Amino acid sequence: MKKIFTAIVVAAGMSTAFAQDFKIKKGEIIIEKQAVAKIEKDDKGYKISSLDGNTWFTANAINITQ
């Protein structure tokens, strides 16, 4: 039991040690203090593109209420 608990604590510590700093500010996605992509709001969702404007991903937000 003691070995399992130790393994869980070590695994939790490792996951936080290798986590990246991720922020979205002023329409830019910033990882580790470096801008990597742009994010814009469209009519129905969001568009994620590279810094030069090439579209990478489009997400449509659909609200389904019963």
PDB file of N, CA and C in Angstrom:
ATOM      1  N   MET A   1       0.824  -1.187   0.000  1.00  0.00           N
ATOM      2  CA  MET A   1       0.000   0.000   0.000  1.00  0.00           C
ATOM      3  C   MET A   1       0.870   1.254   0.000  1.00  0.00           C
ATOM      4  N   LYS A   2       1.962   1.200   0.744  1.00  0.00           N
ATOM      5  CA  LYS A   2       2.853   2.350   0.830  1.00  0.00           C
ATOM      6  C   LYS A   2       3.519   2.629  -0.523  1.00  0.00           C
ATOM      7  N   LYS A   3       3.839   1.571  -1.273  1.00  0.00           N
ATOM      8  CA  LYS A   3       4.475   1.742  -2.584  1.00  0.00           C
ATOM      9  C   LYS A   3       3.502   2.349  -3.586  1.00  0.00           C
ATOM     10  N   ILE A   4       2.240   1.953  -3.525  1.00  0.00           N
ATOM     11  CA  ILE A   4       1.231   2.507  -4.437  1.00  0.00           C
ATOM     12  C   ILE A   4       1.030   3.992  -4.161  1.00  0.00           C
ATOM     13  N   PHE A   5       0.919   4.354  -2.882  1.00  0.00           N
ATOM     14  CA  PHE A   5       0.757   5.752  -2.515  1.00  0.00           C
ATOM     15  C   PHE A   5       1.954   6.586  -2.984  1.00  0.00           C
ATOM     16  N   THR A   6       3.145   6.061  -2.813  1.00  0.00           N
ATOM     17  CA  THR A   6       4.359   6.759  -3.248  1.00  0.00           C
ATOM     18  C   THR A   6       4.360   6.943  -4.762  1.00  0.00           C
ATOM     19  N   ALA A   7       3.942   5.924  -5.504  1.00  0.00           N
ATOM     20  CA  ALA A   7       3.888   6.013  -6.963  1.00  0.00           C
ATOM     21  C   ALA A   7       2.885   7.071  -7.412  1.00  0.00           C
ATOM     22  N   ILE A   8       1.748   7.166  -6.749  1.00  0.00           N
ATOM     23  CA  ILE A   8       0.734   8.165  -7.098  1.00  0.00           C
ATOM     24  C   ILE A   8       1.252   9.567  -6.816  1.00  0.00           C
ATOM     25  N   VAL A   9       1.919   9.763  -5.699  1.00  0.00           N
ATOM     26  CA  VAL A   9       2.465  11.081  -5.353  1.00  0.00           C
ATOM     27  C   VAL A   9       3.534  11.491  -6.361  1.00  0.00           C
ATOM     28  N   VAL A  10       4.392  10.573  -6.742  1.00  0.00           N
ATOM     29  CA  VAL A  10       5.447  10.874  -7.727  1.00  0.00           C
ATOM     30  C   VAL A  10       4.833  11.214  -9.080  1.00  0.00           C
ATOM     31  N   ALA A  11       3.822  10.465  -9.509  1.00  0.00           N
ATOM     32  CA  ALA A  11       3.169  10.730 -10.791  1.00  0.00           C
ATOM     33  C   ALA A  11       2.484  12.098 -10.790  1.00  0.00           C
ATOM     34  N   ALA A  12       1.840  12.463  -9.701  1.00  0.00           N
ATOM     35  CA  ALA A  12       1.192  13.772  -9.607  1.00  0.00           C
ATOM     36  C   ALA A  12       2.226  14.894  -9.630  1.00  0.00           C
ATOM     37  N   GLY A  13       3.334  14.692  -8.974  1.00  0.00           N
ATOM     38  CA  GLY A  13       4.395  15.693  -8.973  1.00  0.00           C
ATOM     39  C   GLY A  13       5.026  15.872 -10.341  1.00  0.00           C
ATOM     40  N   MET A  14       5.179  14.793 -11.075  1.00  0.00           N
ATOM     41  CA  MET A  14       5.767  14.859 -12.415  1.00  0.00           C
ATOM     42  C   MET A  14       4.844  15.594 -13.383  1.00  0.00           C
ATOM     43  N   SER A  15       3.532  15.380 -13.271  1.00  0.00           N
ATOM     44  CA  SER A  15       2.606  16.022 -14.205  1.00  0.00           C
ATOM     45  C   SER A  15       2.594  17.532 -14.014  1.00  0.00           C
ATOM     46  N   THR A  16       2.721  18.024 -12.800  1.00  0.00           N
ATOM     47  CA  THR A  16       2.762  19.467 -12.587  1.00  0.00           C
ATOM     48  C   THR A  16       4.127  20.051 -12.940  1.00  0.00           C
ATOM     49  N   ALA A  17       5.160  19.261 -12.877  1.00  0.00           N
ATOM     50  CA  ALA A  17       6.494  19.761 -13.210  1.00  0.00           C
ATOM     51  C   ALA A  17       6.642  20.020 -14.701  1.00  0.00           C
ATOM     52  N   PHE A  18       5.939  19.240 -15.530  1.00  0.00           N
ATOM     53  CA  PHE A  18       6.063  19.377 -16.982  1.00  0.00           C
ATOM     54  C   PHE A  18       4.884  20.111 -17.612  1.00  0.00           C
ATOM     55  N   ALA A  19       4.033  20.743 -16.823  1.00  0.00           N
ATOM     56  CA  ALA A  19       2.890  21.481 -17.345  1.00  0.00           C
ATOM     57  C   ALA A  19       3.361  22.755 -18.053  1.00  0.00           C
ATOM     58  N   GLN A  20       2.603  23.170 -19.080  1.00  0.00           N
ATOM     59  CA  GLN A  20       2.943  24.370 -19.821  1.00  0.00           C
ATOM     60  C   GLN A  20       2.046  25.521 -19.396  1.00  0.00           C
ATOM     61  N   ASP A  21       2.588  26.728 -19.451  1.00  0.00           N
ATOM     62  CA  ASP A  21       1.831  27.928 -19.157  1.00  0.00           C
ATOM     63  C   ASP A  21       1.029  28.290 -20.404  1.00  0.00           C
ATOM     64  N   PHE A  22      -0.304  28.316 -20.304  1.00  0.00           N
ATOM     65  CA  PHE A  22      -1.197  28.510 -21.442  1.00  0.00           C
ATOM     66  C   PHE A  22      -2.134  29.673 -21.151  1.00  0.00           C
ATOM     67  N   LYS A  23      -2.175  30.676 -22.059  1.00  0.00           N
ATOM     68  CA  LYS A  23      -3.045  31.835 -21.874  1.00  0.00           C
ATOM     69  C   LYS A  23      -3.635  32.248 -23.218  1.00  0.00           C
ATOM     70  N   ILE A  24      -4.789  32.909 -23.153  1.00  0.00           N
ATOM     71  CA  ILE A  24      -5.385  33.530 -24.333  1.00  0.00           C
ATOM     72  C   ILE A  24      -5.578  35.005 -23.996  1.00  0.00           C
ATOM     73  N   LYS A  25      -4.839  35.857 -24.719  1.00  0.00           N
ATOM     74  CA  LYS A  25      -4.912  37.298 -24.489  1.00  0.00           C
ATOM     75  C   LYS A  25      -5.011  38.021 -25.820  1.00  0.00           C
ATOM     76  N   LYS A  26      -5.973  38.944 -25.909  1.00  0.00           N
ATOM     77  CA  LYS A  26      -6.139  39.817 -27.073  1.00  0.00           C
ATOM     78  C   LYS A  26      -6.165  39.041 -28.385  1.00  0.00           C
ATOM     79  N   GLY A  27      -6.852  37.893 -28.401  1.00  0.00           N
ATOM     80  CA  GLY A  27      -7.008  37.129 -29.624  1.00  0.00           C
ATOM     81  C   GLY A  27      -5.819  36.268 -29.995  1.00  0.00           C
ATOM     82  N   GLU A  28      -4.862  36.091 -29.100  1.00  0.00           N
ATOM     83  CA  GLU A  28      -3.698  35.256 -29.374  1.00  0.00           C
ATOM     84  C   GLU A  28      -3.595  34.147 -28.337  1.00  0.00           C
ATOM     85  N   ILE A  29      -3.208  32.971 -28.786  1.00  0.00           N
ATOM     86  CA  ILE A  29      -2.949  31.849 -27.893  1.00  0.00           C
ATOM     87  C   ILE A  29      -1.461  31.891 -27.553  1.00  0.00           C
ATOM     88  N   ILE A  30      -1.159  31.978 -26.251  1.00  0.00           N
ATOM     89  CA  ILE A  30       0.219  32.143 -25.795  1.00  0.00           C
ATOM     90  C   ILE A  30       0.609  30.937 -24.959  1.00  0.00           C
ATOM     91  N   ILE A  31       1.695  30.266 -25.357  1.00  0.00           N
ATOM     92  CA  ILE A  31       2.234  29.126 -24.616  1.00  0.00           C
ATOM     93  C   ILE A  31       3.667  29.461 -24.235  1.00  0.00           C
ATOM     94  N   GLU A  32       3.957  29.371 -22.937  1.00  0.00           N
ATOM     95  CA  GLU A  32       5.293  29.674 -22.405  1.00  0.00           C
ATOM     96  C   GLU A  32       5.779  31.050 -22.872  1.00  0.00           C
ATOM     97  N   LYS A  33       4.911  32.068 -22.753  1.00  0.00           N
ATOM     98  CA  LYS A  33       5.214  33.472 -23.058  1.00  0.00           C
ATOM     99  C   LYS A  33       5.567  33.722 -24.522  1.00  0.00           C
ATOM    100  N   GLN A  34       5.091  32.852 -25.430  1.00  0.00           N
ATOM    101  CA  GLN A  34       5.332  33.023 -26.854  1.00  0.00           C
ATOM    102  C   GLN A  34       4.018  32.805 -27.599  1.00  0.00           C
ATOM    103  N   ALA A  35       3.644  33.759 -28.447  1.00  0.00           N
ATOM    104  CA  ALA A  35       2.412  33.649 -29.228  1.00  0.00           C
ATOM    105  C   ALA A  35       2.578  32.543 -30.268  1.00  0.00           C
ATOM    106  N   VAL A  36       1.617  31.617 -30.337  1.00  0.00           N
ATOM    107  CA  VAL A  36       1.715  30.502 -31.277  1.00  0.00           C
ATOM    108  C   VAL A  36       0.562  30.463 -32.277  1.00  0.00           C
ATOM    109  N   ALA A  37      -0.563  31.119 -31.964  1.00  0.00           N
ATOM    110  CA  ALA A  37      -1.709  31.099 -32.870  1.00  0.00           C
ATOM    111  C   ALA A  37      -2.639  32.264 -32.552  1.00  0.00           C
ATOM    112  N   LYS A  38      -3.579  32.517 -33.480  1.00  0.00           N
ATOM    113  CA  LYS A  38      -4.601  33.536 -33.277  1.00  0.00           C
ATOM    114  C   LYS A  38      -5.948  32.850 -33.119  1.00  0.00           C
ATOM    115  N   ILE A  39      -6.837  33.437 -32.333  1.00  0.00           N
ATOM    116  CA  ILE A  39      -8.185  32.916 -32.172  1.00  0.00           C
ATOM    117  C   ILE A  39      -9.159  34.063 -32.398  1.00  0.00           C
ATOM    118  N   GLU A  40     -10.171  33.807 -33.241  1.00  0.00           N
ATOM    119  CA  GLU A  40     -11.166  34.826 -33.572  1.00  0.00           C
ATOM    120  C   GLU A  40     -12.552  34.228 -33.405  1.00  0.00           C
ATOM    121  N   LYS A  41     -13.502  35.072 -33.013  1.00  0.00           N
ATOM    122  CA  LYS A  41     -14.882  34.628 -32.874  1.00  0.00           C
ATOM    123  C   LYS A  41     -15.609  34.862 -34.188  1.00  0.00           C
ATOM    124  N   ASP A  42     -16.245  33.811 -34.711  1.00  0.00           N
ATOM    125  CA  ASP A  42     -17.059  33.905 -35.920  1.00  0.00           C
ATOM    126  C   ASP A  42     -18.525  34.038 -35.531  1.00  0.00           C
ATOM    127  N   ASP A  43     -19.407  33.945 -36.519  1.00  0.00           N
ATOM    128  CA  ASP A  43     -20.842  34.034 -36.260  1.00  0.00           C
ATOM    129  C   ASP A  43     -21.324  32.910 -35.351  1.00  0.00           C
ATOM    130  N   LYS A  44     -20.877  31.685 -35.611  1.00  0.00           N
ATOM    131  CA  LYS A  44     -21.377  30.517 -34.877  1.00  0.00           C
ATOM    132  C   LYS A  44     -20.360  29.886 -33.946  1.00  0.00           C
ATOM    133  N   GLY A  45     -19.112  30.312 -33.986  1.00  0.00           N
ATOM    134  CA  GLY A  45     -18.106  29.664 -33.157  1.00  0.00           C
ATOM    135  C   GLY A  45     -16.789  30.411 -33.173  1.00  0.00           C
ATOM    136  N   TYR A  46     -15.698  29.648 -33.213  1.00  0.00           N
ATOM    137  CA  TYR A  46     -14.357  30.228 -33.153  1.00  0.00           C
ATOM    138  C   TYR A  46     -13.487  29.680 -34.279  1.00  0.00           C
ATOM    139  N   LYS A  47     -12.536  30.492 -34.732  1.00  0.00           N
ATOM    140  CA  LYS A  47     -11.582  30.097 -35.758  1.00  0.00           C
ATOM    141  C   LYS A  47     -10.182  30.244 -35.182  1.00  0.00           C
ATOM    142  N   ILE A  48      -9.396  29.163 -35.228  1.00  0.00           N
ATOM    143  CA  ILE A  48      -8.014  29.183 -34.767  1.00  0.00           C
ATOM    144  C   ILE A  48      -7.119  29.140 -35.992  1.00  0.00           C
ATOM    145  N   SER A  49      -6.201  30.091 -36.080  1.00  0.00           N
ATOM    146  CA  SER A  49      -5.326  30.171 -37.243  1.00  0.00           C
ATOM    147  C   SER A  49      -3.890  30.421 -36.802  1.00  0.00           C
ATOM    148  N   SER A  50      -2.971  30.235 -37.739  1.00  0.00           N
ATOM    149  CA  SER A  50      -1.567  30.502 -37.451  1.00  0.00           C
ATOM    150  C   SER A  50      -1.353  32.013 -37.376  1.00  0.00           C
ATOM    151  N   LEU A  51      -0.172  32.426 -36.994  1.00  0.00           N
ATOM    152  CA  LEU A  51       0.113  33.852 -36.859  1.00  0.00           C
ATOM    153  C   LEU A  51       0.078  34.577 -38.199  1.00  0.00           C
ATOM    154  N   ASP A  52       0.321  33.853 -39.299  1.00  0.00           N
ATOM    155  CA  ASP A  52       0.272  34.492 -40.615  1.00  0.00           C
ATOM    156  C   ASP A  52      -1.113  34.436 -41.256  1.00  0.00           C
ATOM    157  N   GLY A  53      -2.098  33.808 -40.588  1.00  0.00           N
ATOM    158  CA  GLY A  53      -3.479  33.844 -41.065  1.00  0.00           C
ATOM    159  C   GLY A  53      -4.020  32.567 -41.671  1.00  0.00           C
ATOM    160  N   ASN A  54      -3.215  31.519 -41.827  1.00  0.00           N
ATOM    161  CA  ASN A  54      -3.707  30.254 -42.367  1.00  0.00           C
ATOM    162  C   ASN A  54      -4.588  29.557 -41.337  1.00  0.00           C
ATOM    163  N   THR A  55      -5.815  29.179 -41.741  1.00  0.00           N
ATOM    164  CA  THR A  55      -6.764  28.564 -40.818  1.00  0.00           C
ATOM    165  C   THR A  55      -6.325  27.155 -40.475  1.00  0.00           C
ATOM    166  N   TRP A  56      -6.287  26.849 -39.165  1.00  0.00           N
ATOM    167  CA  TRP A  56      -5.949  25.512 -38.684  1.00  0.00           C
ATOM    168  C   TRP A  56      -7.189  24.736 -38.284  1.00  0.00           C
ATOM    169  N   PHE A  57      -8.114  25.427 -37.599  1.00  0.00           N
ATOM    170  CA  PHE A  57      -9.231  24.733 -36.972  1.00  0.00           C
ATOM    171  C   PHE A  57     -10.414  25.678 -36.853  1.00  0.00           C
ATOM    172  N   THR A  58     -11.620  25.165 -37.090  1.00  0.00           N
ATOM    173  CA  THR A  58     -12.836  25.935 -36.912  1.00  0.00           C
ATOM    174  C   THR A  58     -13.754  25.156 -35.984  1.00  0.00           C
ATOM    175  N   ALA A  59     -14.222  25.796 -34.929  1.00  0.00           N
ATOM    176  CA  ALA A  59     -15.122  25.159 -33.968  1.00  0.00           C
ATOM    177  C   ALA A  59     -16.455  25.880 -33.983  1.00  0.00           C
ATOM    178  N   ASN A  60     -17.523  25.153 -34.270  1.00  0.00           N
ATOM    179  CA  ASN A  60     -18.862  25.730 -34.265  1.00  0.00           C
ATOM    180  C   ASN A  60     -19.554  25.386 -32.962  1.00  0.00           C
ATOM    181  N   ALA A  61     -20.072  26.408 -32.300  1.00  0.00           N
ATOM    182  CA  ALA A  61     -20.796  26.218 -31.053  1.00  0.00           C
ATOM    183  C   ALA A  61     -22.276  26.094 -31.366  1.00  0.00           C
ATOM    184  N   ILE A  62     -22.845  24.940 -31.087  1.00  0.00           N
ATOM    185  CA  ILE A  62     -24.251  24.688 -31.355  1.00  0.00           C
ATOM    186  C   ILE A  62     -24.960  24.466 -30.024  1.00  0.00           C
ATOM    187  N   ASN A  63     -25.985  25.245 -29.779  1.00  0.00           N
ATOM    188  CA  ASN A  63     -26.754  25.126 -28.546  1.00  0.00           C
ATOM    189  C   ASN A  63     -28.019  24.332 -28.845  1.00  0.00           C
ATOM    190  N   ILE A  64     -28.112  23.140 -28.282  1.00  0.00           N
ATOM    191  CA  ILE A  64     -29.283  22.296 -28.490  1.00  0.00           C
ATOM    192  C   ILE A  64     -30.017  22.211 -27.164  1.00  0.00           C
ATOM    193  N   THR A  65     -31.201  22.795 -27.119  1.00  0.00           N
ATOM    194  CA  THR A  65     -32.024  22.756 -25.914  1.00  0.00           C
ATOM    195  C   THR A  65     -33.294  21.980 -26.229  1.00  0.00           C
ATOM    196  N   GLN A  66     -33.611  21.029 -25.386  1.00  0.00           N
ATOM    197  CA  GLN A  66     -34.831  20.239 -25.621  1.00  0.00           C
ATOM    198  C   GLN A  66     -36.006  20.850 -24.922  1.00  0.00           C
TER     199      GLN A  66
END
